PDB file of N, CA and C in Angstrom:
ATOM      1  N   UNK A   1     -10.451  10.566   5.558  1.00  0.00           N
ATOM      2  CA  UNK A   1     -10.698  11.896   5.044  1.00  0.00           C
ATOM      3  C   UNK A   1     -12.069  12.357   5.512  1.00  0.00           C
ATOM      4  N   UNK A   2     -12.106  13.029   6.598  1.00  0.00           N
ATOM      5  CA  UNK A   2     -13.346  13.460   7.197  1.00  0.00           C
ATOM      6  C   UNK A   2     -14.143  14.439   6.371  1.00  0.00           C
ATOM      7  N   UNK A   3     -13.525  15.125   5.436  1.00  0.00           N
ATOM      8  CA  UNK A   3     -14.220  16.109   4.616  1.00  0.00           C
ATOM      9  C   UNK A   3     -14.679  15.535   3.284  1.00  0.00           C
ATOM     10  N   UNK A   4     -14.713  14.216   3.161  1.00  0.00           N
ATOM     11  CA  UNK A   4     -15.127  13.591   1.903  1.00  0.00           C
ATOM     12  C   UNK A   4     -16.586  13.930   1.624  1.00  0.00           C
ATOM     13  N   UNK A   5     -16.905  14.221   0.373  1.00  0.00           N
ATOM     14  CA  UNK A   5     -18.289  14.515   0.014  1.00  0.00           C
ATOM     15  C   UNK A   5     -19.203  13.321   0.271  1.00  0.00           C
ATOM     16  N   UNK A   6     -20.447  13.594   0.555  1.00  0.00           N
ATOM     17  CA  UNK A   6     -21.457  12.575   0.773  1.00  0.00           C
ATOM     18  C   UNK A   6     -21.736  11.864  -0.558  1.00  0.00           C
ATOM     19  N   UNK A   7     -21.642  10.523  -0.606  1.00  0.00           N
ATOM     20  CA  UNK A   7     -21.864   9.817  -1.874  1.00  0.00           C
ATOM     21  C   UNK A   7     -23.286   9.955  -2.391  1.00  0.00           C
ATOM     22  N   UNK A   8     -24.216  10.331  -1.541  1.00  0.00           N
ATOM     23  CA  UNK A   8     -25.593  10.537  -1.979  1.00  0.00           C
ATOM     24  C   UNK A   8     -25.789  11.923  -2.599  1.00  0.00           C
ATOM     25  N   UNK A   9     -24.856  12.822  -2.381  1.00  0.00           N
ATOM     26  CA  UNK A   9     -24.969  14.192  -2.863  1.00  0.00           C
ATOM     27  C   UNK A   9     -23.633  14.593  -3.486  1.00  0.00           C
ATOM     28  N   UNK A  10     -23.289  13.945  -4.585  1.00  0.00           N
ATOM     29  CA  UNK A  10     -21.995  14.148  -5.225  1.00  0.00           C
ATOM     30  C   UNK A  10     -22.003  15.437  -6.042  1.00  0.00           C
ATOM     31  N   UNK A  11     -20.971  16.237  -5.878  1.00  0.00           N
ATOM     32  CA  UNK A  11     -20.839  17.513  -6.573  1.00  0.00           C
ATOM     33  C   UNK A  11     -19.675  17.416  -7.547  1.00  0.00           C
ATOM     34  N   UNK A  12     -19.983  17.450  -8.824  1.00  0.00           N
ATOM     35  CA  UNK A  12     -18.961  17.311  -9.865  1.00  0.00           C
ATOM     36  C   UNK A  12     -18.495  18.678 -10.367  1.00  0.00           C
ATOM     37  N   UNK A  13     -18.655  19.749  -9.604  1.00  0.00           N
ATOM     38  CA  UNK A  13     -18.313  21.094 -10.075  1.00  0.00           C
ATOM     39  C   UNK A  13     -16.830  21.393 -10.091  1.00  0.00           C
ATOM     40  N   UNK A  14     -16.014  20.616  -9.401  1.00  0.00           N
ATOM     41  CA  UNK A  14     -14.572  20.860  -9.386  1.00  0.00           C
ATOM     42  C   UNK A  14     -13.879  19.715 -10.109  1.00  0.00           C
ATOM     43  N   UNK A  15     -13.513  19.913 -11.375  1.00  0.00           N
ATOM     44  CA  UNK A  15     -12.900  18.827 -12.142  1.00  0.00           C
ATOM     45  C   UNK A  15     -11.499  18.453 -11.668  1.00  0.00           C
ATOM     46  N   UNK A  16     -10.952  19.230 -10.758  1.00  0.00           N
ATOM     47  CA  UNK A  16      -9.608  18.941 -10.257  1.00  0.00           C
ATOM     48  C   UNK A  16      -9.627  18.214  -8.922  1.00  0.00           C
ATOM     49  N   UNK A  17     -10.814  17.755  -8.487  1.00  0.00           N
ATOM     50  CA  UNK A  17     -10.926  17.035  -7.219  1.00  0.00           C
ATOM     51  C   UNK A  17     -11.827  15.816  -7.395  1.00  0.00           C
ATOM     52  N   UNK A  18     -11.464  14.734  -6.736  1.00  0.00           N
ATOM     53  CA  UNK A  18     -12.314  13.544  -6.731  1.00  0.00           C
ATOM     54  C   UNK A  18     -13.580  13.885  -5.950  1.00  0.00           C
ATOM     55  N   UNK A  19     -14.750  13.679  -6.533  1.00  0.00           N
ATOM     56  CA  UNK A  19     -15.984  14.017  -5.832  1.00  0.00           C
ATOM     57  C   UNK A  19     -16.293  13.079  -4.672  1.00  0.00           C
ATOM     58  N   UNK A  20     -15.552  11.995  -4.554  1.00  0.00           N
ATOM     59  CA  UNK A  20     -15.828  11.006  -3.520  1.00  0.00           C
ATOM     60  C   UNK A  20     -14.907  11.121  -2.317  1.00  0.00           C
ATOM     61  N   UNK A  21     -13.672  11.563  -2.521  1.00  0.00           N
ATOM     62  CA  UNK A  21     -12.752  11.683  -1.385  1.00  0.00           C
ATOM     63  C   UNK A  21     -12.126  13.069  -1.281  1.00  0.00           C
ATOM     64  N   UNK A  22     -12.280  13.891  -2.310  1.00  0.00           N
ATOM     65  CA  UNK A  22     -11.743  15.243  -2.284  1.00  0.00           C
ATOM     66  C   UNK A  22     -10.291  15.355  -2.704  1.00  0.00           C
ATOM     67  N   UNK A  23      -9.650  14.232  -3.048  1.00  0.00           N
ATOM     68  CA  UNK A  23      -8.241  14.269  -3.458  1.00  0.00           C
ATOM     69  C   UNK A  23      -8.071  15.112  -4.709  1.00  0.00           C
ATOM     70  N   UNK A  24      -6.982  15.845  -4.771  1.00  0.00           N
ATOM     71  CA  UNK A  24      -6.673  16.651  -5.951  1.00  0.00           C
ATOM     72  C   UNK A  24      -6.269  15.732  -7.089  1.00  0.00           C
ATOM     73  N   UNK A  25      -6.757  16.019  -8.286  1.00  0.00           N
ATOM     74  CA  UNK A  25      -6.481  15.216  -9.469  1.00  0.00           C
ATOM     75  C   UNK A  25      -5.595  15.991 -10.429  1.00  0.00           C
ATOM     76  N   UNK A  26      -4.629  15.323 -11.063  1.00  0.00           N
ATOM     77  CA  UNK A  26      -3.771  16.020 -12.024  1.00  0.00           C
ATOM     78  C   UNK A  26      -4.519  16.389 -13.304  1.00  0.00           C
ATOM     79  N   UNK A  27      -5.600  15.669 -13.600  1.00  0.00           N
ATOM     80  CA  UNK A  27      -6.383  15.888 -14.805  1.00  0.00           C
ATOM     81  C   UNK A  27      -7.789  15.384 -14.507  1.00  0.00           C
ATOM     82  N   UNK A  28      -8.776  16.241 -14.652  1.00  0.00           N
ATOM     83  CA  UNK A  28     -10.132  15.874 -14.276  1.00  0.00           C
ATOM     84  C   UNK A  28     -10.741  14.748 -15.080  1.00  0.00           C
ATOM     85  N   UNK A  29     -10.250  14.466 -16.258  1.00  0.00           N
ATOM     86  CA  UNK A  29     -10.795  13.366 -17.059  1.00  0.00           C
ATOM     87  C   UNK A  29     -10.064  12.076 -16.783  1.00  0.00           C
ATOM     88  N   UNK A  30      -8.947  11.901 -17.470  1.00  0.00           N
ATOM     89  CA  UNK A  30      -8.144  10.691 -17.295  1.00  0.00           C
ATOM     90  C   UNK A  30      -7.619  10.587 -15.868  1.00  0.00           C
ATOM     91  N   UNK A  31      -7.365  11.711 -15.242  1.00  0.00           N
ATOM     92  CA  UNK A  31      -6.869  11.709 -13.876  1.00  0.00           C
ATOM     93  C   UNK A  31      -7.862  11.088 -12.907  1.00  0.00           C
ATOM     94  N   UNK A  32      -9.157  11.342 -13.132  1.00  0.00           N
ATOM     95  CA  UNK A  32     -10.162  10.728 -12.270  1.00  0.00           C
ATOM     96  C   UNK A  32     -10.196   9.224 -12.480  1.00  0.00           C
ATOM     97  N   UNK A  33     -10.146   8.782 -13.723  1.00  0.00           N
ATOM     98  CA  UNK A  33     -10.165   7.346 -14.015  1.00  0.00           C
ATOM     99  C   UNK A  33      -8.964   6.672 -13.373  1.00  0.00           C
ATOM    100  N   UNK A  34      -7.786   7.259 -13.518  1.00  0.00           N
ATOM    101  CA  UNK A  34      -6.581   6.700 -12.903  1.00  0.00           C
ATOM    102  C   UNK A  34      -6.714   6.670 -11.382  1.00  0.00           C
ATOM    103  N   UNK A  35      -7.241   7.758 -10.814  1.00  0.00           N
ATOM    104  CA  UNK A  35      -7.427   7.845  -9.367  1.00  0.00           C
ATOM    105  C   UNK A  35      -8.383   6.755  -8.887  1.00  0.00           C
ATOM    106  N   UNK A  36      -9.512   6.597  -9.575  1.00  0.00           N
ATOM    107  CA  UNK A  36     -10.491   5.584  -9.179  1.00  0.00           C
ATOM    108  C   UNK A  36      -9.902   4.181  -9.307  1.00  0.00           C
ATOM    109  N   UNK A  37      -9.129   3.934 -10.356  1.00  0.00           N
ATOM    110  CA  UNK A  37      -8.500   2.623 -10.533  1.00  0.00           C
ATOM    111  C   UNK A  37      -7.532   2.308  -9.399  1.00  0.00           C
ATOM    112  N   UNK A  38      -6.888   3.327  -8.860  1.00  0.00           N
ATOM    113  CA  UNK A  38      -5.886   3.138  -7.803  1.00  0.00           C
ATOM    114  C   UNK A  38      -6.494   3.197  -6.395  1.00  0.00           C
ATOM    115  N   UNK A  39      -7.753   3.579  -6.281  1.00  0.00           N
ATOM    116  CA  UNK A  39      -8.398   3.742  -4.975  1.00  0.00           C
ATOM    117  C   UNK A  39      -9.716   2.971  -4.952  1.00  0.00           C
ATOM    118  N   UNK A  40      -9.702   1.765  -4.409  1.00  0.00           N
ATOM    119  CA  UNK A  40     -10.904   0.924  -4.424  1.00  0.00           C
ATOM    120  C   UNK A  40     -12.138   1.581  -3.804  1.00  0.00           C
ATOM    121  N   UNK A  41     -11.970   2.391  -2.766  1.00  0.00           N
ATOM    122  CA  UNK A  41     -13.133   3.052  -2.161  1.00  0.00           C
ATOM    123  C   UNK A  41     -13.784   4.021  -3.138  1.00  0.00           C
ATOM    124  N   UNK A  42     -12.976   4.800  -3.842  1.00  0.00           N
ATOM    125  CA  UNK A  42     -13.511   5.753  -4.816  1.00  0.00           C
ATOM    126  C   UNK A  42     -14.121   5.013  -6.002  1.00  0.00           C
ATOM    127  N   UNK A  43     -13.495   3.924  -6.418  1.00  0.00           N
ATOM    128  CA  UNK A  43     -14.030   3.121  -7.521  1.00  0.00           C
ATOM    129  C   UNK A  43     -15.407   2.578  -7.144  1.00  0.00           C
ATOM    130  N   UNK A  44     -15.530   2.042  -5.928  1.00  0.00           N
ATOM    131  CA  UNK A  44     -16.810   1.487  -5.481  1.00  0.00           C
ATOM    132  C   UNK A  44     -17.869   2.578  -5.384  1.00  0.00           C
ATOM    133  N   UNK A  45     -17.493   3.737  -4.847  1.00  0.00           N
ATOM    134  CA  UNK A  45     -18.447   4.844  -4.720  1.00  0.00           C
ATOM    135  C   UNK A  45     -18.849   5.368  -6.087  1.00  0.00           C
ATOM    136  N   UNK A  46     -17.917   5.391  -7.052  1.00  0.00           N
ATOM    137  CA  UNK A  46     -18.233   5.812  -8.415  1.00  0.00           C
ATOM    138  C   UNK A  46     -19.216   4.828  -9.055  1.00  0.00           C
ATOM    139  N   UNK A  47     -18.966   3.539  -8.895  1.00  0.00           N
ATOM    140  CA  UNK A  47     -19.858   2.527  -9.470  1.00  0.00           C
ATOM    141  C   UNK A  47     -21.259   2.652  -8.869  1.00  0.00           C
ATOM    142  N   UNK A  48     -21.329   2.889  -7.557  1.00  0.00           N
ATOM    143  CA  UNK A  48     -22.622   3.071  -6.903  1.00  0.00           C
ATOM    144  C   UNK A  48     -23.319   4.315  -7.443  1.00  0.00           C
ATOM    145  N   UNK A  49     -22.581   5.400  -7.587  1.00  0.00           N
ATOM    146  CA  UNK A  49     -23.145   6.636  -8.130  1.00  0.00           C
ATOM    147  C   UNK A  49     -23.643   6.407  -9.551  1.00  0.00           C
ATOM    148  N   UNK A  50     -22.816   5.719 -10.357  1.00  0.00           N
ATOM    149  CA  UNK A  50     -23.177   5.479 -11.759  1.00  0.00           C
ATOM    150  C   UNK A  50     -24.449   4.637 -11.860  1.00  0.00           C
ATOM    151  N   UNK A  51     -24.585   3.639 -10.999  1.00  0.00           N
ATOM    152  CA  UNK A  51     -25.808   2.837 -10.984  1.00  0.00           C
ATOM    153  C   UNK A  51     -27.015   3.686 -10.623  1.00  0.00           C
ATOM    154  N   UNK A  52     -26.833   4.620  -9.697  1.00  0.00           N
ATOM    155  CA  UNK A  52     -27.939   5.483  -9.266  1.00  0.00           C
ATOM    156  C   UNK A  52     -28.409   6.421 -10.365  1.00  0.00           C
ATOM    157  N   UNK A  53     -27.513   6.872 -11.235  1.00  0.00           N
ATOM    158  CA  UNK A  53     -27.907   7.826 -12.271  1.00  0.00           C
ATOM    159  C   UNK A  53     -28.155   7.170 -13.624  1.00  0.00           C
ATOM    160  N   UNK A  54     -27.841   5.898 -13.765  1.00  0.00           N
ATOM    161  CA  UNK A  54     -27.981   5.218 -15.056  1.00  0.00           C
ATOM    162  C   UNK A  54     -29.405   5.301 -15.593  1.00  0.00           C
ATOM    163  N   UNK A  55     -30.391   5.175 -14.732  1.00  0.00           N
ATOM    164  CA  UNK A  55     -31.777   5.263 -15.170  1.00  0.00           C
ATOM    165  C   UNK A  55     -32.150   6.650 -15.650  1.00  0.00           C
ATOM    166  N   UNK A  56     -31.492   7.678 -15.118  1.00  0.00           N
ATOM    167  CA  UNK A  56     -31.772   9.049 -15.533  1.00  0.00           C
ATOM    168  C   UNK A  56     -31.196   9.347 -16.910  1.00  0.00           C
ATOM    169  N   UNK A  57     -30.104   8.668 -17.244  1.00  0.00           N
ATOM    170  CA  UNK A  57     -29.398   8.945 -18.495  1.00  0.00           C
ATOM    171  C   UNK A  57     -29.890   8.041 -19.619  1.00  0.00           C
ATOM    172  N   UNK A  58     -30.319   6.838 -19.299  1.00  0.00           N
ATOM    173  CA  UNK A  58     -30.853   5.910 -20.298  1.00  0.00           C
ATOM    174  C   UNK A  58     -29.819   5.525 -21.336  1.00  0.00           C
ATOM    175  N   UNK A  59     -30.188   5.534 -22.589  1.00  0.00           N
ATOM    176  CA  UNK A  59     -29.334   5.097 -23.687  1.00  0.00           C
ATOM    177  C   UNK A  59     -28.183   6.023 -23.986  1.00  0.00           C
ATOM    178  N   UNK A  60     -28.146   7.178 -23.345  1.00  0.00           N
ATOM    179  CA  UNK A  60     -27.066   8.135 -23.617  1.00  0.00           C
ATOM    180  C   UNK A  60     -25.768   7.789 -22.886  1.00  0.00           C
ATOM    181  N   UNK A  61     -25.807   6.889 -21.900  1.00  0.00           N
ATOM    182  CA  UNK A  61     -24.627   6.575 -21.099  1.00  0.00           C
ATOM    183  C   UNK A  61     -23.660   5.749 -21.912  1.00  0.00           C
ATOM    184  N   UNK A  62     -22.414   6.235 -22.020  1.00  0.00           N
ATOM    185  CA  UNK A  62     -21.405   5.483 -22.766  1.00  0.00           C
ATOM    186  C   UNK A  62     -20.240   5.098 -21.881  1.00  0.00           C
ATOM    187  N   UNK A  63     -20.279   5.467 -20.582  1.00  0.00           N
ATOM    188  CA  UNK A  63     -19.183   5.173 -19.665  1.00  0.00           C
ATOM    189  C   UNK A  63     -19.268   3.824 -19.168  1.00  0.00           C
TER     190      UNK A  63
END
Protein backbone atom coordinates (compact mmCIF):
# COMPACT_ATOMS: atom_id res chain seq x y z
CA UNK A 1 0.00 0.00 0.00
CA UNK A 2 2.06 2.86 -1.29
CA UNK A 3 -0.26 5.50 0.15
CA UNK A 4 0.09 4.28 3.74
CA UNK A 5 0.51 7.12 6.23
CA UNK A 6 3.97 7.73 7.68
CA UNK A 7 4.17 6.00 11.11
CA UNK A 8 6.07 9.00 12.45
CA UNK A 9 3.24 11.36 11.48
CA UNK A 10 0.05 9.44 12.21
CA UNK A 11 -3.23 11.24 11.51
CA UNK A 12 -6.18 9.95 13.52
CA UNK A 13 -8.70 12.37 11.93
CA UNK A 14 -10.54 9.71 9.91
CA UNK A 15 -12.08 7.16 12.29
CA UNK A 16 -13.14 5.02 9.34
CA UNK A 17 -9.57 4.37 8.14
CA UNK A 18 -6.57 2.64 9.69
CA UNK A 19 -4.00 5.39 10.28
CA UNK A 20 -1.19 2.96 9.50
CA UNK A 21 -2.26 1.38 6.21
CA UNK A 22 -5.29 3.42 5.13
CA UNK A 23 -7.65 0.41 5.03
CA UNK A 24 -11.31 1.24 5.49
CA UNK A 25 -12.68 0.13 8.87
CA UNK A 26 -16.27 -0.98 9.53
CA UNK A 27 -16.14 0.73 12.94
CA UNK A 28 -13.48 3.17 14.06
CA UNK A 29 -13.32 1.81 17.61
CA UNK A 30 -13.70 -1.94 17.76
CA UNK A 31 -13.09 -2.12 14.03
CA UNK A 32 -9.59 -0.73 14.45
CA UNK A 33 -8.79 -3.22 17.22
CA UNK A 34 -10.07 -6.10 15.08
CA UNK A 35 -8.13 -4.78 12.08
CA UNK A 36 -4.90 -4.47 14.08
CA UNK A 37 -5.35 -7.96 15.54
CA UNK A 38 -5.71 -9.38 12.01
CA UNK A 39 -2.84 -7.35 10.49
CA UNK A 40 0.54 -7.83 12.18
CA UNK A 41 2.10 -4.83 10.41
CA UNK A 42 -0.60 -2.47 11.68
CA UNK A 43 -0.42 -4.03 15.15
CA UNK A 44 3.35 -3.48 15.27
CA UNK A 45 3.04 0.09 14.00
CA UNK A 46 0.28 0.79 16.56
CA UNK A 47 2.44 -0.58 19.39
CA UNK A 48 5.35 1.58 18.21
CA UNK A 49 3.09 4.64 18.03
CA UNK A 50 1.66 3.89 21.48
CA UNK A 51 5.15 3.62 22.97
CA UNK A 52 6.07 6.97 21.40
CA UNK A 53 3.10 8.79 22.93
CA UNK A 54 2.93 6.96 26.27
CA UNK A 55 5.23 9.50 27.91
CA UNK A 56 3.02 12.35 26.72
CA UNK A 57 -0.11 10.80 28.21
CA UNK A 58 1.38 9.53 31.49
CA UNK A 59 -1.07 8.01 33.96
CA UNK A 60 -4.06 8.80 31.77
CA UNK A 61 -3.34 5.94 29.31
CA UNK A 62 -5.73 3.05 29.78
CA UNK A 63 -5.20 1.26 26.44
